[in-house]
Amino acid sequence: MKIKKIAKPWGYEKILELNNKYVLKELFMKKGHRCSLQYHQKKTETFFVVKGHLKLYHGKSKKNLKIKRFKSGDYLTIKPKYIHRMEAIINTTYLEASTPEINDVIRLIDDYGR
């Protein structure tokens, strides 16, 4: 598979592998930007910070989110229906391995009007 780079308002993602068992992406998030506050119906994902620092907002309800900081070498697995959002404290590169449901995104809040 050819690597597919997708521009995002917060940076970009590169799909390194996509098959019927898993997806592997490299993501770059610009300092001060964040992805949607979101959850997935079926998808399970694990992210691993390669370089930089992320803030993770997470919880079972969007009204009661916890904040955890991640630095290079830190990782976390996010199960289906768990609300989450990443924010880059500095320019950050991270990997995401997930189950193959790439369009399984329910956005609750989005800074970019998507």
Protein backbone atom coordinates (compact mmCIF):
# COMPACT_ATOMS: atom_id res chain seq x y z
CA MET A 1 0.00 0.00 0.00
CA LYS A 2 1.22 3.49 -0.83
CA ILE A 3 1.39 5.85 2.17
CA LYS A 4 -1.54 8.23 2.05
CA LYS A 5 -1.03 11.68 3.62
CA ILE A 6 -4.21 13.53 4.59
CA ALA A 7 -4.10 17.24 5.51
CA LYS A 8 -6.04 18.12 8.65
CA PRO A 9 -6.73 21.59 10.09
CA TRP A 10 -4.58 20.64 13.09
CA GLY A 11 -1.71 19.08 11.09
CA TYR A 12 -1.82 15.85 9.09
CA GLU A 13 -2.15 12.10 9.27
CA LYS A 14 -0.37 9.48 7.20
CA ILE A 15 -2.03 6.12 6.75
CA LEU A 16 0.91 3.71 6.87
CA GLU A 17 -1.14 0.50 6.73
CA LEU A 18 -4.83 -0.20 6.19
CA ASN A 19 -6.14 -3.74 5.95
CA ASN A 20 -9.13 -5.75 7.20
CA LYS A 21 -7.52 -6.32 10.61
CA TYR A 22 -5.93 -2.98 11.61
CA VAL A 23 -4.91 0.56 10.65
CA LEU A 24 -1.58 2.20 11.48
CA LYS A 25 -1.27 5.99 11.21
CA GLU A 26 1.38 8.59 11.91
CA LEU A 27 -0.17 11.86 13.05
CA PHE A 28 1.39 15.30 13.38
CA MET A 29 -0.43 17.91 15.46
CA LYS A 30 0.64 21.55 15.53
CA LYS A 31 1.24 23.30 18.86
CA GLY A 32 -1.97 24.71 20.32
CA HIS A 33 -4.25 22.72 18.02
CA ARG A 34 -6.55 19.87 18.93
CA CYS A 35 -8.70 17.24 17.27
CA SER A 36 -12.45 16.89 17.77
CA LEU A 37 -13.94 15.87 21.07
CA GLN A 38 -15.13 12.49 19.85
CA TYR A 39 -15.88 8.86 20.46
CA HIS A 40 -16.17 5.70 18.36
CA GLN A 41 -18.99 3.15 18.24
CA LYS A 42 -16.75 0.14 17.43
CA LYS A 43 -13.17 1.31 16.93
CA THR A 44 -10.49 0.63 19.55
CA GLU A 45 -7.30 2.66 19.19
CA THR A 46 -3.92 2.85 20.85
CA PHE A 47 -1.80 5.95 20.50
CA PHE A 48 1.94 6.26 21.19
CA VAL A 49 3.73 9.62 21.44
CA VAL A 50 6.89 9.56 19.32
CA LYS A 51 7.97 13.18 19.80
CA GLY A 52 6.39 16.10 21.64
CA HIS A 53 3.74 16.54 24.33
CA LEU A 54 -0.02 15.98 24.18
CA LYS A 55 -2.84 16.78 26.52
CA LEU A 56 -5.58 14.13 26.50
CA TYR A 57 -9.10 15.09 27.53
CA HIS A 58 -11.03 11.92 28.33
CA GLY A 59 -14.03 10.50 30.14
CA LYS A 60 -17.40 8.81 29.97
CA SER A 61 -19.26 12.14 29.73
CA LYS A 62 -18.33 15.38 27.95
CA LYS A 63 -19.36 17.30 31.09
CA ASN A 64 -16.87 15.44 33.29
CA LEU A 65 -13.58 15.14 31.40
CA LYS A 66 -10.22 14.43 32.99
CA ILE A 67 -6.95 15.80 31.58
CA LYS A 68 -3.75 13.75 31.34
CA ARG A 69 -0.42 14.80 29.82
CA PHE A 70 1.58 12.52 27.56
CA LYS A 71 5.22 12.87 26.52
CA SER A 72 7.51 10.91 24.22
CA GLY A 73 7.22 7.18 24.97
CA ASP A 74 3.79 7.39 26.65
CA TYR A 75 0.83 5.48 25.25
CA LEU A 76 -2.82 4.69 25.94
CA THR A 77 -5.56 2.45 24.56
CA ILE A 78 -9.02 3.99 24.05
CA LYS A 79 -12.00 1.66 23.98
CA PRO A 80 -15.24 2.21 22.01
CA LYS A 81 -17.71 4.83 23.32
CA TYR A 82 -15.01 6.52 25.45
CA ILE A 83 -14.96 10.30 24.86
CA HIS A 84 -11.55 11.78 24.06
CA ARG A 85 -9.61 14.61 22.42
CA MET A 86 -5.89 15.24 21.95
CA GLU A 87 -4.29 18.70 22.11
CA ALA A 88 -0.66 19.45 21.22
CA ILE A 89 1.24 21.35 23.92
CA ILE A 90 4.16 21.59 21.46
CA ASN A 91 4.41 20.25 17.89
CA THR A 92 3.81 16.53 18.37
CA THR A 93 4.13 13.35 16.32
CA TYR A 94 2.31 10.25 17.47
CA LEU A 95 1.33 6.85 16.14
CA GLU A 96 -2.17 5.42 16.23
CA ALA A 97 -2.90 1.72 15.80
CA SER A 98 -6.58 0.85 15.64
CA THR A 99 -9.17 -1.59 14.47
CA PRO A 100 -10.06 -0.93 10.80
CA GLU A 101 -13.21 1.20 11.22
CA ILE A 102 -11.61 4.40 9.87
CA ASN A 103 -14.90 6.29 9.42
CA ASP A 104 -16.22 5.48 12.91
CA VAL A 105 -15.96 9.00 14.37
CA ILE A 106 -18.75 10.76 16.24
CA ARG A 107 -17.71 14.39 16.75
CA LEU A 108 -19.22 16.09 19.80
CA ILE A 109 -17.28 19.38 19.55
CA ASP A 110 -14.97 20.52 16.76
CA ASP A 111 -12.88 23.71 16.60
CA TYR A 112 -12.88 23.61 12.80
CA GLY A 113 -16.62 23.25 12.08
CA ARG A 114 -16.49 19.73 10.72
